[in-house]
Amino acid sequence: MSQDRIVELYRGELWDCQLLESMLKDENIDCFLQNSVRSGYGPIVISAQLVQIMIRDADAERALEVLQRYESNIRK
């Protein structure tokens, strides 16, 4: 049985990735967020890292279509 590789589709702020994640799941594309935890140590709250949306390599073509729709709508 071959296993699909997990690849990064998109990187951005948490709210941005959550919107895109919702669109991907509506299209039945499995995905998950990575690095979505924020760090609150010290006097200033700093983002740990940008959040990444991870998908299966086999879903990349369909996921890129969803990403293009998302980006065209967000830029309006």
PDB file of N, CA and C in Angstrom:
ATOM      1  N   MET A   1       0.843  -1.177   0.000  1.00  0.00           N
ATOM      2  CA  MET A   1       0.000   0.000   0.000  1.00  0.00           C
ATOM      3  C   MET A   1       0.885   1.237   0.000  1.00  0.00           C
ATOM      4  N   SER A   2       0.695   2.134  -0.961  1.00  0.00           N
ATOM      5  CA  SER A   2       1.510   3.340  -0.992  1.00  0.00           C
ATOM      6  C   SER A   2       0.864   4.415  -0.120  1.00  0.00           C
ATOM      7  N   GLN A   3       1.715   5.196   0.500  1.00  0.00           N
ATOM      8  CA  GLN A   3       1.227   6.271   1.349  1.00  0.00           C
ATOM      9  C   GLN A   3       1.440   7.597   0.639  1.00  0.00           C
ATOM     10  N   ASP A   4       0.467   8.486   0.785  1.00  0.00           N
ATOM     11  CA  ASP A   4       0.604   9.820   0.213  1.00  0.00           C
ATOM     12  C   ASP A   4       1.552  10.651   1.057  1.00  0.00           C
ATOM     13  N   ARG A   5       2.309  11.481   0.379  1.00  0.00           N
ATOM     14  CA  ARG A   5       3.143  12.438   1.098  1.00  0.00           C
ATOM     15  C   ARG A   5       2.262  13.577   1.578  1.00  0.00           C
ATOM     16  N   ILE A   6       2.657  14.183   2.678  1.00  0.00           N
ATOM     17  CA  ILE A   6       1.972  15.364   3.190  1.00  0.00           C
ATOM     18  C   ILE A   6       2.789  16.573   2.741  1.00  0.00           C
ATOM     19  N   VAL A   7       2.123  17.529   2.113  1.00  0.00           N
ATOM     20  CA  VAL A   7       2.808  18.708   1.599  1.00  0.00           C
ATOM     21  C   VAL A   7       2.108  19.980   2.087  1.00  0.00           C
ATOM     22  N   GLU A   8       2.850  21.061   2.056  1.00  0.00           N
ATOM     23  CA  GLU A   8       2.304  22.362   2.457  1.00  0.00           C
ATOM     24  C   GLU A   8       1.587  22.991   1.272  1.00  0.00           C
ATOM     25  N   LEU A   9       0.364  23.437   1.511  1.00  0.00           N
ATOM     26  CA  LEU A   9      -0.404  24.124   0.474  1.00  0.00           C
ATOM     27  C   LEU A   9      -0.269  25.639   0.607  1.00  0.00           C
ATOM     28  N   TYR A  10      -0.291  26.125   1.844  1.00  0.00           N
ATOM     29  CA  TYR A  10      -0.393  27.561   2.072  1.00  0.00           C
ATOM     30  C   TYR A  10       0.201  27.890   3.424  1.00  0.00           C
ATOM     31  N   ARG A  11       0.684  29.124   3.570  1.00  0.00           N
ATOM     32  CA  ARG A  11       1.226  29.598   4.843  1.00  0.00           C
ATOM     33  C   ARG A  11       0.709  31.006   5.082  1.00  0.00           C
ATOM     34  N   GLY A  12       0.181  31.250   6.271  1.00  0.00           N
ATOM     35  CA  GLY A  12      -0.355  32.580   6.571  1.00  0.00           C
ATOM     36  C   GLY A  12      -0.740  32.705   8.031  1.00  0.00           C
ATOM     37  N   GLU A  13      -1.501  33.744   8.322  1.00  0.00           N
ATOM     38  CA  GLU A  13      -1.994  33.971   9.683  1.00  0.00           C
ATOM     39  C   GLU A  13      -3.072  32.937  10.012  1.00  0.00           C
ATOM     40  N   LEU A  14      -3.313  32.742  11.299  1.00  0.00           N
ATOM     41  CA  LEU A  14      -4.255  31.723  11.753  1.00  0.00           C
ATOM     42  C   LEU A  14      -5.645  31.931  11.155  1.00  0.00           C
ATOM     43  N   TRP A  15      -6.178  33.159  11.219  1.00  0.00           N
ATOM     44  CA  TRP A  15      -7.540  33.411  10.719  1.00  0.00           C
ATOM     45  C   TRP A  15      -7.639  33.123   9.223  1.00  0.00           C
ATOM     46  N   ASP A  16      -6.589  33.486   8.496  1.00  0.00           N
ATOM     47  CA  ASP A  16      -6.531  33.278   7.059  1.00  0.00           C
ATOM     48  C   ASP A  16      -6.572  31.780   6.733  1.00  0.00           C
ATOM     49  N   CYS A  17      -5.766  31.027   7.450  1.00  0.00           N
ATOM     50  CA  CYS A  17      -5.692  29.578   7.220  1.00  0.00           C
ATOM     51  C   CYS A  17      -6.970  28.868   7.634  1.00  0.00           C
ATOM     52  N   GLN A  18      -7.627  29.360   8.673  1.00  0.00           N
ATOM     53  CA  GLN A  18      -8.884  28.732   9.085  1.00  0.00           C
ATOM     54  C   GLN A  18      -9.972  28.911   8.034  1.00  0.00           C
ATOM     55  N   LEU A  19     -10.002  30.068   7.380  1.00  0.00           N
ATOM     56  CA  LEU A  19     -10.970  30.274   6.297  1.00  0.00           C
ATOM     57  C   LEU A  19     -10.703  29.315   5.139  1.00  0.00           C
ATOM     58  N   LEU A  20      -9.446  29.219   4.740  1.00  0.00           N
ATOM     59  CA  LEU A  20      -9.086  28.326   3.641  1.00  0.00           C
ATOM     60  C   LEU A  20      -9.314  26.864   4.021  1.00  0.00           C
ATOM     61  N   GLU A  21      -9.013  26.513   5.252  1.00  0.00           N
ATOM     62  CA  GLU A  21      -9.243  25.146   5.725  1.00  0.00           C
ATOM     63  C   GLU A  21     -10.727  24.786   5.594  1.00  0.00           C
ATOM     64  N   SER A  22     -11.593  25.706   5.936  1.00  0.00           N
ATOM     65  CA  SER A  22     -13.030  25.476   5.830  1.00  0.00           C
ATOM     66  C   SER A  22     -13.447  25.234   4.375  1.00  0.00           C
ATOM     67  N   MET A  23     -12.896  26.016   3.465  1.00  0.00           N
ATOM     68  CA  MET A  23     -13.213  25.831   2.045  1.00  0.00           C
ATOM     69  C   MET A  23     -12.722  24.476   1.539  1.00  0.00           C
ATOM     70  N   LEU A  24     -11.523  24.073   1.957  1.00  0.00           N
ATOM     71  CA  LEU A  24     -10.982  22.778   1.532  1.00  0.00           C
ATOM     72  C   LEU A  24     -11.845  21.632   2.040  1.00  0.00           C
ATOM     73  N   LYS A  25     -12.258  21.723   3.299  1.00  0.00           N
ATOM     74  CA  LYS A  25     -13.081  20.658   3.874  1.00  0.00           C
ATOM     75  C   LYS A  25     -14.455  20.600   3.216  1.00  0.00           C
ATOM     76  N   ASP A  26     -14.977  21.753   2.784  1.00  0.00           N
ATOM     77  CA  ASP A  26     -16.240  21.768   2.045  1.00  0.00           C
ATOM     78  C   ASP A  26     -16.124  21.006   0.726  1.00  0.00           C
ATOM     79  N   GLU A  27     -14.918  20.955   0.176  1.00  0.00           N
ATOM     80  CA  GLU A  27     -14.648  20.231  -1.072  1.00  0.00           C
ATOM     81  C   GLU A  27     -14.172  18.794  -0.812  1.00  0.00           C
ATOM     82  N   ASN A  28     -14.289  18.346   0.441  1.00  0.00           N
ATOM     83  CA  ASN A  28     -13.860  17.004   0.858  1.00  0.00           C
ATOM     84  C   ASN A  28     -12.375  16.757   0.631  1.00  0.00           C
ATOM     85  N   ILE A  29     -11.577  17.784   0.858  1.00  0.00           N
ATOM     86  CA  ILE A  29     -10.128  17.660   0.785  1.00  0.00           C
ATOM     87  C   ILE A  29      -9.605  17.624   2.214  1.00  0.00           C
ATOM     88  N   ASP A  30      -8.985  16.507   2.588  1.00  0.00           N
ATOM     89  CA  ASP A  30      -8.431  16.376   3.929  1.00  0.00           C
ATOM     90  C   ASP A  30      -7.266  17.342   4.097  1.00  0.00           C
ATOM     91  N   CYS A  31      -7.260  18.047   5.224  1.00  0.00           N
ATOM     92  CA  CYS A  31      -6.175  18.979   5.510  1.00  0.00           C
ATOM     93  C   CYS A  31      -6.097  19.188   7.016  1.00  0.00           C
ATOM     94  N   PHE A  32      -4.986  19.761   7.446  1.00  0.00           N
ATOM     95  CA  PHE A  32      -4.849  20.125   8.843  1.00  0.00           C
ATOM     96  C   PHE A  32      -3.918  21.321   8.956  1.00  0.00           C
ATOM     97  N   LEU A  33      -4.045  22.027  10.081  1.00  0.00           N
ATOM     98  CA  LEU A  33      -3.200  23.178  10.349  1.00  0.00           C
ATOM     99  C   LEU A  33      -2.006  22.748  11.186  1.00  0.00           C
ATOM    100  N   GLN A  34      -0.877  23.346  10.895  1.00  0.00           N
ATOM    101  CA  GLN A  34       0.340  23.055  11.647  1.00  0.00           C
ATOM    102  C   GLN A  34       0.872  24.379  12.189  1.00  0.00           C
ATOM    103  N   ASN A  35       1.397  24.352  13.410  1.00  0.00           N
ATOM    104  CA  ASN A  35       1.931  25.547  14.073  1.00  0.00           C
ATOM    105  C   ASN A  35       0.846  26.573  14.354  1.00  0.00           C
ATOM    106  N   SER A  36      -0.322  26.099  14.768  1.00  0.00           N
ATOM    107  CA  SER A  36      -1.433  27.016  15.024  1.00  0.00           C
ATOM    108  C   SER A  36      -1.480  27.504  16.466  1.00  0.00           C
ATOM    109  N   VAL A  37      -0.498  27.139  17.271  1.00  0.00           N
ATOM    110  CA  VAL A  37      -0.457  27.556  18.669  1.00  0.00           C
ATOM    111  C   VAL A  37       0.310  28.864  18.778  1.00  0.00           C
ATOM    112  N   ARG A  38      -0.246  29.787  19.497  1.00  0.00           N
ATOM    113  CA  ARG A  38       0.416  31.084  19.694  1.00  0.00           C
ATOM    114  C   ARG A  38       1.161  31.078  21.027  1.00  0.00           C
ATOM    115  N   SER A  39       2.241  31.790  21.067  1.00  0.00           N
ATOM    116  CA  SER A  39       3.054  31.864  22.277  1.00  0.00           C
ATOM    117  C   SER A  39       2.696  33.125  23.047  1.00  0.00           C
ATOM    118  N   GLY A  40       2.449  32.983  24.336  1.00  0.00           N
ATOM    119  CA  GLY A  40       2.096  34.124  25.160  1.00  0.00           C
ATOM    120  C   GLY A  40       3.111  34.425  26.239  1.00  0.00           C
ATOM    121  N   TYR A  41       4.339  33.985  26.084  1.00  0.00           N
ATOM    122  CA  TYR A  41       5.364  34.218  27.088  1.00  0.00           C
ATOM    123  C   TYR A  41       5.904  35.629  26.982  1.00  0.00           C
ATOM    124  N   GLY A  42       6.207  36.229  28.119  1.00  0.00           N
ATOM    125  CA  GLY A  42       6.777  37.566  28.131  1.00  0.00           C
ATOM    126  C   GLY A  42       5.700  38.627  28.053  1.00  0.00           C
ATOM    127  N   PRO A  43       6.117  39.864  28.030  1.00  0.00           N
ATOM    128  CA  PRO A  43       5.142  40.969  28.046  1.00  0.00           C
ATOM    129  C   PRO A  43       4.411  41.172  26.718  1.00  0.00           C
ATOM    130  N   ILE A  44       4.960  40.652  25.642  1.00  0.00           N
ATOM    131  CA  ILE A  44       4.348  40.843  24.330  1.00  0.00           C
ATOM    132  C   ILE A  44       3.944  39.480  23.763  1.00  0.00           C
ATOM    133  N   VAL A  45       2.726  39.387  23.296  1.00  0.00           N
ATOM    134  CA  VAL A  45       2.268  38.143  22.679  1.00  0.00           C
ATOM    135  C   VAL A  45       2.791  38.115  21.251  1.00  0.00           C
ATOM    136  N   ILE A  46       3.545  37.069  20.931  1.00  0.00           N
ATOM    137  CA  ILE A  46       4.167  36.944  19.621  1.00  0.00           C
ATOM    138  C   ILE A  46       3.689  35.662  18.962  1.00  0.00           C
ATOM    139  N   SER A  47       3.439  35.737  17.683  1.00  0.00           N
ATOM    140  CA  SER A  47       3.065  34.557  16.917  1.00  0.00           C
ATOM    141  C   SER A  47       4.236  33.584  16.903  1.00  0.00           C
ATOM    142  N   ALA A  48       3.982  32.325  17.235  1.00  0.00           N
ATOM    143  CA  ALA A  48       5.045  31.318  17.248  1.00  0.00           C
ATOM    144  C   ALA A  48       5.661  31.195  15.864  1.00  0.00           C
ATOM    145  N   GLN A  49       4.853  31.048  14.867  1.00  0.00           N
ATOM    146  CA  GLN A  49       5.250  30.982  13.462  1.00  0.00           C
ATOM    147  C   GLN A  49       4.000  31.184  12.646  1.00  0.00           C
ATOM    148  N   LEU A  50       4.188  31.393  11.380  1.00  0.00           N
ATOM    149  CA  LEU A  50       3.011  31.417  10.526  1.00  0.00           C
ATOM    150  C   LEU A  50       2.409  30.016  10.480  1.00  0.00           C
ATOM    151  N   VAL A  51       1.123  29.956  10.315  1.00  0.00           N
ATOM    152  CA  VAL A  51       0.406  28.687  10.274  1.00  0.00           C
ATOM    153  C   VAL A  51       0.498  28.116   8.860  1.00  0.00           C
ATOM    154  N   GLN A  52       0.628  26.800   8.782  1.00  0.00           N
ATOM    155  CA  GLN A  52       0.700  26.118   7.503  1.00  0.00           C
ATOM    156  C   GLN A  52      -0.525  25.229   7.340  1.00  0.00           C
ATOM    157  N   ILE A  53      -1.042  25.175   6.113  1.00  0.00           N
ATOM    158  CA  ILE A  53      -2.103  24.222   5.790  1.00  0.00           C
ATOM    159  C   ILE A  53      -1.438  23.059   5.071  1.00  0.00           C
ATOM    160  N   MET A  54      -1.603  21.883   5.631  1.00  0.00           N
ATOM    161  CA  MET A  54      -0.987  20.682   5.088  1.00  0.00           C
ATOM    162  C   MET A  54      -2.066  19.814   4.440  1.00  0.00           C
ATOM    163  N   ILE A  55      -1.725  19.259   3.269  1.00  0.00           N
ATOM    164  CA  ILE A  55      -2.650  18.398   2.524  1.00  0.00           C
ATOM    165  C   ILE A  55      -1.910  17.159   2.027  1.00  0.00           C
ATOM    166  N   ARG A  56      -2.668  16.191   1.536  1.00  0.00           N
ATOM    167  CA  ARG A  56      -2.045  15.036   0.873  1.00  0.00           C
ATOM    168  C   ARG A  56      -1.605  15.455  -0.521  1.00  0.00           C
ATOM    169  N   ASP A  57      -0.476  14.960  -0.953  1.00  0.00           N
ATOM    170  CA  ASP A  57       0.052  15.269  -2.275  1.00  0.00           C
ATOM    171  C   ASP A  57      -0.956  14.903  -3.373  1.00  0.00           C
ATOM    172  N   ALA A  58      -1.703  13.829  -3.161  1.00  0.00           N
ATOM    173  CA  ALA A  58      -2.682  13.384  -4.148  1.00  0.00           C
ATOM    174  C   ALA A  58      -3.821  14.395  -4.341  1.00  0.00           C
ATOM    175  N   ASP A  59      -4.057  15.247  -3.351  1.00  0.00           N
ATOM    176  CA  ASP A  59      -5.128  16.251  -3.425  1.00  0.00           C
ATOM    177  C   ASP A  59      -4.629  17.607  -3.915  1.00  0.00           C
ATOM    178  N   ALA A  60      -3.363  17.702  -4.264  1.00  0.00           N
ATOM    179  CA  ALA A  60      -2.746  19.000  -4.567  1.00  0.00           C
ATOM    180  C   ALA A  60      -3.437  19.734  -5.714  1.00  0.00           C
ATOM    181  N   GLU A  61      -3.772  19.049  -6.776  1.00  0.00           N
ATOM    182  CA  GLU A  61      -4.374  19.718  -7.931  1.00  0.00           C
ATOM    183  C   GLU A  61      -5.713  20.360  -7.568  1.00  0.00           C
ATOM    184  N   ARG A  62      -6.568  19.600  -6.915  1.00  0.00           N
ATOM    185  CA  ARG A  62      -7.880  20.143  -6.498  1.00  0.00           C
ATOM    186  C   ARG A  62      -7.711  21.241  -5.463  1.00  0.00           C
ATOM    187  N   ALA A  63      -6.773  21.044  -4.530  1.00  0.00           N
ATOM    188  CA  ALA A  63      -6.538  22.030  -3.474  1.00  0.00           C
ATOM    189  C   ALA A  63      -6.030  23.347  -4.060  1.00  0.00           C
ATOM    190  N   LEU A  64      -5.214  23.283  -5.091  1.00  0.00           N
ATOM    191  CA  LEU A  64      -4.718  24.504  -5.732  1.00  0.00           C
ATOM    192  C   LEU A  64      -5.858  25.276  -6.399  1.00  0.00           C
ATOM    193  N   GLU A  65      -6.837  24.569  -6.936  1.00  0.00           N
ATOM    194  CA  GLU A  65      -8.006  25.234  -7.511  1.00  0.00           C
ATOM    195  C   GLU A  65      -8.786  25.984  -6.430  1.00  0.00           C
ATOM    196  N   VAL A  66      -8.953  25.347  -5.270  1.00  0.00           N
ATOM    197  CA  VAL A  66      -9.644  25.995  -4.148  1.00  0.00           C
ATOM    198  C   VAL A  66      -8.835  27.203  -3.677  1.00  0.00           C
ATOM    199  N   LEU A  67      -7.531  27.060  -3.602  1.00  0.00           N
ATOM    200  CA  LEU A  67      -6.660  28.158  -3.182  1.00  0.00           C
ATOM    201  C   LEU A  67      -6.776  29.339  -4.143  1.00  0.00           C
ATOM    202  N   GLN A  68      -6.827  29.080  -5.424  1.00  0.00           N
ATOM    203  CA  GLN A  68      -6.971  30.160  -6.406  1.00  0.00           C
ATOM    204  C   GLN A  68      -8.298  30.887  -6.228  1.00  0.00           C
ATOM    205  N   ARG A  69      -9.376  30.143  -5.988  1.00  0.00           N
ATOM    206  CA  ARG A  69     -10.687  30.767  -5.733  1.00  0.00           C
ATOM    207  C   ARG A  69     -10.625  31.616  -4.484  1.00  0.00           C
ATOM    208  N   TYR A  70     -10.010  31.077  -3.430  1.00  0.00           N
ATOM    209  CA  TYR A  70      -9.893  31.783  -2.165  1.00  0.00           C
ATOM    210  C   TYR A  70      -9.132  33.100  -2.360  1.00  0.00           C
ATOM    211  N   GLU A  71      -7.988  33.025  -3.013  1.00  0.00           N
ATOM    212  CA  GLU A  71      -7.156  34.213  -3.197  1.00  0.00           C
ATOM    213  C   GLU A  71      -7.850  35.253  -4.074  1.00  0.00           C
ATOM    214  N   SER A  72      -8.596  34.821  -5.076  1.00  0.00           N
ATOM    215  CA  SER A  72      -9.297  35.789  -5.919  1.00  0.00           C
ATOM    216  C   SER A  72     -10.429  36.482  -5.153  1.00  0.00           C
ATOM    217  N   ASN A  73     -11.067  35.768  -4.227  1.00  0.00           N
ATOM    218  CA  ASN A  73     -12.133  36.367  -3.438  1.00  0.00           C
ATOM    219  C   ASN A  73     -11.610  37.259  -2.316  1.00  0.00           C
ATOM    220  N   ILE A  74     -10.488  36.908  -1.729  1.00  0.00           N
ATOM    221  CA  ILE A  74      -9.943  37.654  -0.601  1.00  0.00           C
ATOM    222  C   ILE A  74      -9.355  38.992  -1.060  1.00  0.00           C
ATOM    223  N   ARG A  75      -8.924  39.053  -2.280  1.00  0.00           N
ATOM    224  CA  ARG A  75      -8.273  40.269  -2.808  1.00  0.00           C
ATOM    225  C   ARG A  75      -9.283  41.293  -3.354  1.00  0.00           C
ATOM    226  N   LYS A  76     -10.552  40.949  -3.379  1.00  0.00           N
ATOM    227  CA  LYS A  76     -11.582  41.866  -3.906  1.00  0.00           C
ATOM    228  C   LYS A  76     -11.839  43.013  -2.965  1.00  0.00           C
TER     229      LYS A  76
END
